[in-house]
Amino acid sequence: MTGFRLYKKERLCGKTAIDALFLPGGERSAVIAYPWRAVWRVNTGRAMNNPRFLISVPKKRLRHAVDRVLMRRRCREAYRLNRELIPCDSQIDIAFIYVGNGLTSYSDTERSVTKMLSKITSKLTSEQTDVNE
């Protein structure tokens, strides 16, 4: 990807792709950095070689739609600015799930997103070195 824009092909959409990410017993991993949790898996069944993501803010955590939209925007912006932490040619699907209570600042959101992306990258590289050996 060139520039800082978020493209449609980076968005995780489609019932089968989302169900494959959340089905019990599937090959997925989770990382938590309060107030966000990331569930991710390597999806080798698709033709595109770029990471895809979705953001979920449950109504149970934030009752007002305005607050849910604000937290989604903060997470999307943090991901957009820090997505270079993930290799751009990896076929990975990521779901960011809000687990905090109440609103949190953008700096907290960005800190947790960068921490989760770096943990995901380190796990991916360690898995790839294990496969190559």
Protein backbone atom coordinates (compact mmCIF):
# COMPACT_ATOMS: atom_id res chain seq x y z
CA MET A 1 0.00 0.00 0.00
CA THR A 2 1.22 3.45 -0.77
CA GLY A 3 0.42 6.42 1.40
CA PHE A 4 -1.58 6.55 4.58
CA ARG A 5 -4.97 5.85 3.08
CA LEU A 6 -7.12 2.89 4.16
CA TYR A 7 -8.24 0.91 1.16
CA LYS A 8 -11.33 -1.26 0.74
CA LYS A 9 -9.18 -4.37 0.31
CA GLU A 10 -7.82 -3.83 3.84
CA ARG A 11 -11.28 -4.14 5.35
CA LEU A 12 -12.31 -7.55 6.65
CA CYS A 13 -15.84 -8.09 5.42
CA GLY A 14 -17.94 -11.04 4.45
CA LYS A 15 -19.72 -13.51 6.66
CA THR A 16 -17.49 -16.49 5.85
CA ALA A 17 -14.26 -14.61 6.56
CA ILE A 18 -15.54 -13.25 9.87
CA ASP A 19 -17.03 -16.60 10.90
CA ALA A 20 -13.73 -18.33 10.15
CA LEU A 21 -12.02 -15.88 12.48
CA PHE A 22 -14.42 -16.46 15.38
CA LEU A 23 -15.49 -20.10 15.04
CA PRO A 24 -14.57 -22.23 18.06
CA GLY A 25 -11.75 -24.67 17.47
CA GLY A 26 -10.26 -22.62 14.66
CA GLU A 27 -6.61 -21.75 14.28
CA ARG A 28 -6.52 -18.29 15.78
CA SER A 29 -4.58 -16.37 18.38
CA ALA A 30 -5.49 -13.51 20.67
CA VAL A 31 -3.52 -10.62 22.09
CA ILE A 32 -4.77 -8.16 24.67
CA ALA A 33 -3.54 -4.67 25.47
CA TYR A 34 -6.13 -2.88 27.57
CA PRO A 35 -8.60 -1.41 26.42
CA TRP A 36 -8.40 -3.42 23.17
CA ARG A 37 -8.17 -7.11 22.35
CA ALA A 38 -7.02 -8.46 18.99
CA VAL A 39 -8.04 -11.81 17.57
CA TRP A 40 -6.07 -12.84 14.49
CA ARG A 41 -5.40 -15.74 12.17
CA VAL A 42 -3.41 -16.39 9.03
CA ASN A 43 -5.82 -16.86 6.14
CA THR A 44 -4.00 -18.62 3.31
CA GLY A 45 -7.18 -19.31 1.37
CA ARG A 46 -7.42 -15.92 -0.30
CA ALA A 47 -5.68 -14.43 -3.29
CA MET A 48 -4.84 -11.01 -1.81
CA ASN A 49 -1.54 -10.68 0.04
CA ASN A 50 -2.35 -7.93 2.50
CA PRO A 51 -3.56 -7.77 6.10
CA ARG A 52 -7.29 -7.18 6.65
CA PHE A 53 -8.94 -5.89 9.82
CA LEU A 54 -12.25 -5.14 11.47
CA ILE A 55 -13.18 -3.18 14.57
CA SER A 56 -15.90 -4.13 17.04
CA VAL A 57 -17.13 -1.98 19.91
CA PRO A 58 -19.88 -3.85 21.81
CA LYS A 59 -23.02 -2.09 22.96
CA LYS A 60 -22.51 -3.71 26.36
CA ARG A 61 -19.31 -1.64 26.84
CA LEU A 62 -20.48 1.69 25.41
CA ARG A 63 -24.22 2.27 25.38
CA HIS A 64 -24.32 5.38 23.19
CA ALA A 65 -23.76 5.01 19.44
CA VAL A 66 -21.78 8.26 19.37
CA ASP A 67 -19.27 6.80 21.83
CA ARG A 68 -18.99 3.52 19.90
CA VAL A 69 -18.31 5.39 16.66
CA LEU A 70 -15.71 7.57 18.39
CA MET A 71 -13.81 4.54 19.69
CA ARG A 72 -13.98 2.86 16.26
CA ARG A 73 -12.55 5.99 14.65
CA ARG A 74 -9.75 6.20 17.21
CA CYS A 75 -8.80 2.57 16.64
CA ARG A 76 -8.98 2.92 12.85
CA GLU A 77 -6.72 5.96 12.98
CA ALA A 78 -4.20 4.22 15.24
CA TYR A 79 -4.15 1.21 12.91
CA ARG A 80 -3.80 3.41 9.83
CA LEU A 81 -0.77 5.21 11.24
CA ASN A 82 0.93 2.07 12.64
CA ARG A 83 0.09 -0.62 10.10
CA GLU A 84 3.70 -0.70 8.87
CA LEU A 85 4.47 -2.79 11.97
CA ILE A 86 2.83 -5.76 10.18
CA PRO A 87 4.48 -7.14 7.04
CA CYS A 88 2.47 -5.84 4.08
CA ASP A 89 2.58 -9.19 2.26
CA SER A 90 1.10 -11.29 5.09
CA GLN A 91 -2.31 -12.90 4.66
CA ILE A 92 -3.56 -12.10 8.14
CA ASP A 93 -7.07 -11.27 9.36
CA ILE A 94 -7.29 -9.16 12.53
CA ALA A 95 -10.31 -8.20 14.64
CA PHE A 96 -9.91 -5.42 17.19
CA ILE A 97 -12.46 -5.76 20.00
CA TYR A 98 -13.02 -3.07 22.62
CA VAL A 99 -12.93 -4.50 26.14
CA GLY A 100 -12.67 -1.30 28.21
CA ASN A 101 -15.41 0.35 30.21
CA GLY A 102 -16.11 3.93 29.22
CA LEU A 103 -14.27 6.12 26.76
CA THR A 104 -10.48 6.11 26.60
CA SER A 105 -8.18 8.68 25.06
CA TYR A 106 -6.58 8.39 21.66
CA SER A 107 -3.12 8.06 23.20
CA ASP A 108 -4.23 4.98 25.18
CA THR A 109 -5.80 3.51 22.07
CA GLU A 110 -2.72 4.11 19.96
CA ARG A 111 -0.44 2.65 22.63
CA SER A 112 -2.50 -0.53 22.86
CA VAL A 113 -2.85 -0.93 19.08
CA THR A 114 0.90 -0.55 18.51
CA LYS A 115 1.61 -3.02 21.31
CA MET A 116 -0.80 -5.57 19.81
CA LEU A 117 0.57 -5.14 16.28
CA SER A 118 4.14 -5.61 17.47
CA LYS A 119 3.15 -8.76 19.41
CA ILE A 120 1.37 -10.14 16.34
CA THR A 121 4.41 -9.41 14.17
CA SER A 122 6.77 -11.10 16.60
CA LYS A 123 4.54 -14.20 16.71
CA LEU A 124 4.33 -14.28 12.91
CA THR A 125 8.08 -14.05 12.49
CA SER A 126 8.71 -16.71 15.12
CA GLU A 127 6.21 -19.04 13.42
CA GLN A 128 7.82 -18.46 10.04
CA THR A 129 11.30 -19.20 11.37
CA ASP A 130 9.99 -22.39 12.99
CA VAL A 131 8.50 -23.51 9.65
CA ASN A 132 11.67 -22.67 7.73
CA GLU A 133 13.90 -24.71 10.08
